[in-house]
Amino acid sequence: MTAKNMVGTITGYAENGGRRWRIVAWTVAVFVLLLPRVGMLFTNEINWGLGDFVFAGVLLFGSLGVYEVAARTTSNSAYRAGVGVAIAGALLLTWVNTAVGITDSGADLMYLGVLFVGLIGAFLGRFRPAGMARALLATAFVQAGIGVIALSAGMVPAHNSAIEILGLTGFFVTLFAGSAWLFRQSAQSRDEQR
């Protein structure tokens, strides 16, 4: 087997594996969207209206659509992973914040700023690996800052513990910082190829 054939075979496996994972992701999204409907058949605790399903559908399928576009524009696995982690962080932050809130106070509105920082940073960085790394690092810092501000300014109601808020904040900071690290790896591998 020649080196060219070997590279083609490896690329074929990666492409097929990538397609399989994307099919799994879309299938999981459908099941996640169906879970509340099934739950409504068994309990009155879950009470979703049409607007809730539309919002969740737009959030889930929109996120997967953005990932599909990114996955088709690059073959760099670190870049794809960075996009995936960033989208997962944004999706979860939006879902948690709109479903139950993070602080149960007006501070929850500040978390929208996290998403705007990431989005604006991505556009300013032209979606290039180094620019995305800076954008996601800024997103992680803003996420951490909002958690600290909410706690230190006394915006968090007494029924929420500081440990809960710091834990959630740390979880999202880890996702955004991890995405920044993946984008940085992508930028370094791109530089090495030149």
Protein backbone atom coordinates (compact mmCIF):
# COMPACT_ATOMS: atom_id res chain seq x y z
CA MET A 1 0.00 0.00 0.00
CA THR A 2 1.47 3.34 -1.01
CA ALA A 3 1.57 6.39 1.26
CA LYS A 4 -1.00 8.13 -0.93
CA ASN A 5 -3.43 5.20 -0.61
CA MET A 6 -2.83 5.04 3.13
CA VAL A 7 -3.66 8.75 3.55
CA GLY A 8 -6.79 8.27 1.43
CA THR A 9 -7.88 5.31 3.55
CA ILE A 10 -7.33 7.20 6.82
CA THR A 11 -9.18 10.23 5.45
CA GLY A 12 -12.06 7.99 4.36
CA TYR A 13 -12.33 6.48 7.84
CA ALA A 14 -12.28 9.94 9.45
CA GLU A 15 -14.95 11.24 7.08
CA ASN A 16 -17.22 8.22 7.64
CA GLY A 17 -16.71 8.41 11.40
CA GLY A 18 -17.47 12.13 11.31
CA ARG A 19 -20.66 11.48 9.39
CA ARG A 20 -21.70 8.79 11.86
CA TRP A 21 -21.16 11.11 14.81
CA ARG A 22 -23.15 13.87 13.11
CA ILE A 23 -26.02 11.46 12.45
CA VAL A 24 -25.91 10.42 16.09
CA ALA A 25 -25.94 14.08 17.18
CA TRP A 26 -29.02 14.90 15.04
CA THR A 27 -30.79 11.78 16.30
CA VAL A 28 -30.03 12.64 19.92
CA ALA A 29 -31.37 16.17 19.32
CA VAL A 30 -34.66 14.73 18.06
CA PHE A 31 -34.94 12.50 21.13
CA VAL A 32 -34.09 15.40 23.47
CA LEU A 33 -36.88 17.41 21.86
CA LEU A 34 -39.30 14.48 22.23
CA LEU A 35 -38.47 13.84 25.91
CA PRO A 36 -40.63 16.67 27.31
CA ARG A 37 -43.57 15.55 25.17
CA VAL A 38 -43.27 11.99 26.45
CA GLY A 39 -42.83 13.29 29.99
CA MET A 40 -46.04 15.33 29.66
CA LEU A 41 -47.93 12.07 29.11
CA PHE A 42 -46.89 10.79 32.53
CA THR A 43 -46.73 13.85 34.80
CA ASN A 44 -48.20 17.30 35.20
CA GLU A 45 -44.80 18.59 36.39
CA ILE A 46 -43.74 19.06 32.77
CA ASN A 47 -45.89 21.61 31.01
CA TRP A 48 -44.41 22.71 27.71
CA GLY A 49 -46.36 24.78 25.24
CA LEU A 50 -45.82 25.18 21.52
CA GLY A 51 -43.45 28.12 22.15
CA ASP A 52 -41.26 25.97 24.39
CA PHE A 53 -40.92 23.29 21.72
CA VAL A 54 -40.21 25.86 19.01
CA PHE A 55 -37.55 27.56 21.17
CA ALA A 56 -35.90 24.24 22.05
CA GLY A 57 -36.04 23.10 18.42
CA VAL A 58 -34.46 26.30 17.13
CA LEU A 59 -31.79 26.09 19.83
CA LEU A 60 -30.93 22.42 19.23
CA PHE A 61 -31.18 22.29 15.45
CA GLY A 62 -29.69 25.75 15.00
CA SER A 63 -26.67 24.71 17.07
CA LEU A 64 -26.25 21.52 15.06
CA GLY A 65 -26.64 23.47 11.81
CA VAL A 66 -23.88 25.88 12.81
CA TYR A 67 -21.65 22.93 13.66
CA GLU A 68 -22.41 21.29 10.30
CA VAL A 69 -21.33 24.44 8.46
CA ALA A 70 -18.11 24.65 10.48
CA ALA A 71 -17.38 20.94 10.05
CA ARG A 72 -17.75 21.20 6.28
CA THR A 73 -15.44 24.21 5.99
CA THR A 74 -12.37 22.65 7.58
CA SER A 75 -10.69 19.29 7.90
CA ASN A 76 -8.79 20.38 11.04
CA SER A 77 -10.07 18.17 13.86
CA ALA A 78 -8.93 20.57 16.62
CA TYR A 79 -10.89 23.40 14.97
CA ARG A 80 -13.97 21.18 14.63
CA ALA A 81 -13.67 20.14 18.26
CA GLY A 82 -13.27 23.77 19.33
CA VAL A 83 -16.42 24.70 17.46
CA GLY A 84 -18.27 21.76 18.99
CA VAL A 85 -17.26 22.63 22.54
CA ALA A 86 -18.05 26.33 22.03
CA ILE A 87 -21.48 25.54 20.61
CA ALA A 88 -22.18 23.04 23.40
CA GLY A 89 -21.23 25.68 25.99
CA ALA A 90 -23.43 28.32 24.37
CA LEU A 91 -26.33 25.87 24.00
CA LEU A 92 -26.14 24.69 27.60
CA LEU A 93 -25.72 28.22 28.95
CA THR A 94 -28.79 29.38 27.03
CA TRP A 95 -30.82 26.30 27.98
CA VAL A 96 -30.00 26.45 31.68
CA ASN A 97 -30.42 30.20 31.89
CA THR A 98 -33.81 30.23 30.15
CA ALA A 99 -35.16 27.08 31.80
CA VAL A 100 -34.31 27.64 35.45
CA GLY A 101 -31.86 30.53 35.62
CA ILE A 102 -28.37 30.45 37.00
CA THR A 103 -28.74 32.92 39.86
CA ASP A 104 -32.54 33.27 39.96
CA SER A 105 -32.11 37.03 39.79
CA GLY A 106 -31.62 39.89 37.37
CA ALA A 107 -28.01 38.79 37.06
CA ASP A 108 -29.20 36.06 34.71
CA LEU A 109 -29.61 38.71 32.01
CA MET A 110 -25.89 39.47 32.25
CA TYR A 111 -25.13 35.96 31.01
CA LEU A 112 -26.47 36.99 27.61
CA GLY A 113 -23.36 39.18 27.44
CA VAL A 114 -21.23 36.05 27.50
CA LEU A 115 -22.80 34.87 24.26
CA PHE A 116 -22.46 38.28 22.63
CA VAL A 117 -18.76 38.48 23.54
CA GLY A 118 -18.16 35.09 21.92
CA LEU A 119 -20.17 35.94 18.81
CA ILE A 120 -18.64 39.39 18.31
CA GLY A 121 -15.16 37.99 18.97
CA ALA A 122 -15.71 35.25 16.39
CA PHE A 123 -16.71 37.80 13.75
CA LEU A 124 -13.82 40.11 14.63
CA GLY A 125 -11.42 37.15 14.44
CA ARG A 126 -12.95 36.20 11.07
CA PHE A 127 -13.53 32.68 12.38
CA ARG A 128 -9.83 31.95 12.01
CA PRO A 129 -8.25 29.66 14.64
CA ALA A 130 -6.17 32.35 16.41
CA GLY A 131 -9.07 34.80 16.44
CA MET A 132 -11.44 32.14 17.73
CA ALA A 133 -8.97 31.25 20.48
CA ARG A 134 -8.93 34.88 21.65
CA ALA A 135 -12.73 35.16 21.35
CA LEU A 136 -13.36 32.06 23.44
CA LEU A 137 -10.78 33.06 26.03
CA ALA A 138 -12.54 36.43 26.36
CA THR A 139 -15.84 34.55 26.64
CA ALA A 140 -14.44 32.46 29.50
CA PHE A 141 -13.21 35.60 31.31
CA VAL A 142 -16.58 37.32 30.92
CA GLN A 143 -18.36 34.19 32.19
CA ALA A 144 -16.10 34.13 35.28
CA GLY A 145 -16.50 37.88 35.81
CA ILE A 146 -20.29 37.71 35.77
CA GLY A 147 -20.33 34.95 38.37
CA VAL A 148 -17.99 36.92 40.62
CA ILE A 149 -19.95 40.17 40.12
CA ALA A 150 -23.28 38.47 40.86
CA LEU A 151 -21.93 37.01 44.08
CA SER A 152 -19.96 40.02 45.30
CA ALA A 153 -22.75 42.51 44.50
CA GLY A 154 -25.26 40.47 46.51
CA MET A 155 -27.41 39.78 43.45
CA VAL A 156 -27.82 36.09 44.24
CA PRO A 157 -30.85 35.19 46.41
CA ALA A 158 -30.17 33.46 49.72
CA HIS A 159 -31.63 30.13 48.54
CA ASN A 160 -28.74 29.79 46.06
CA SER A 161 -25.40 28.95 47.58
CA ALA A 162 -22.17 30.53 46.44
CA ILE A 163 -20.83 27.03 45.79
CA GLU A 164 -23.66 26.35 43.31
CA ILE A 165 -23.05 29.61 41.45
CA LEU A 166 -19.27 29.12 41.43
CA GLY A 167 -19.70 25.50 40.31
CA LEU A 168 -21.93 26.44 37.39
CA THR A 169 -19.70 29.36 36.50
CA GLY A 170 -16.63 27.13 36.65
CA PHE A 171 -18.31 24.54 34.44
CA PHE A 172 -19.00 27.09 31.70
CA VAL A 173 -15.59 28.74 32.09
CA THR A 174 -14.02 25.31 31.60
CA LEU A 175 -16.03 24.72 28.42
CA PHE A 176 -15.16 28.10 26.90
CA ALA A 177 -11.50 27.93 27.97
CA GLY A 178 -11.28 24.37 26.64
CA SER A 179 -12.67 25.56 23.33
CA ALA A 180 -10.11 28.39 23.27
CA TRP A 181 -7.34 25.83 23.89
CA LEU A 182 -8.60 23.66 20.99
CA PHE A 183 -8.65 26.67 18.67
CA ARG A 184 -5.11 27.51 19.77
CA GLN A 185 -4.03 23.96 18.94
CA SER A 186 -5.66 24.37 15.56
CA ALA A 187 -3.80 27.64 14.96
CA GLN A 188 -0.48 26.04 15.95
CA SER A 189 -0.98 23.06 13.66
CA ARG A 190 -1.91 25.43 10.86
CA ASP A 191 1.29 27.43 11.46
CA GLU A 192 3.36 24.23 11.46
CA GLN A 193 1.94 23.21 8.09
CA ARG A 194 3.14 26.45 6.49
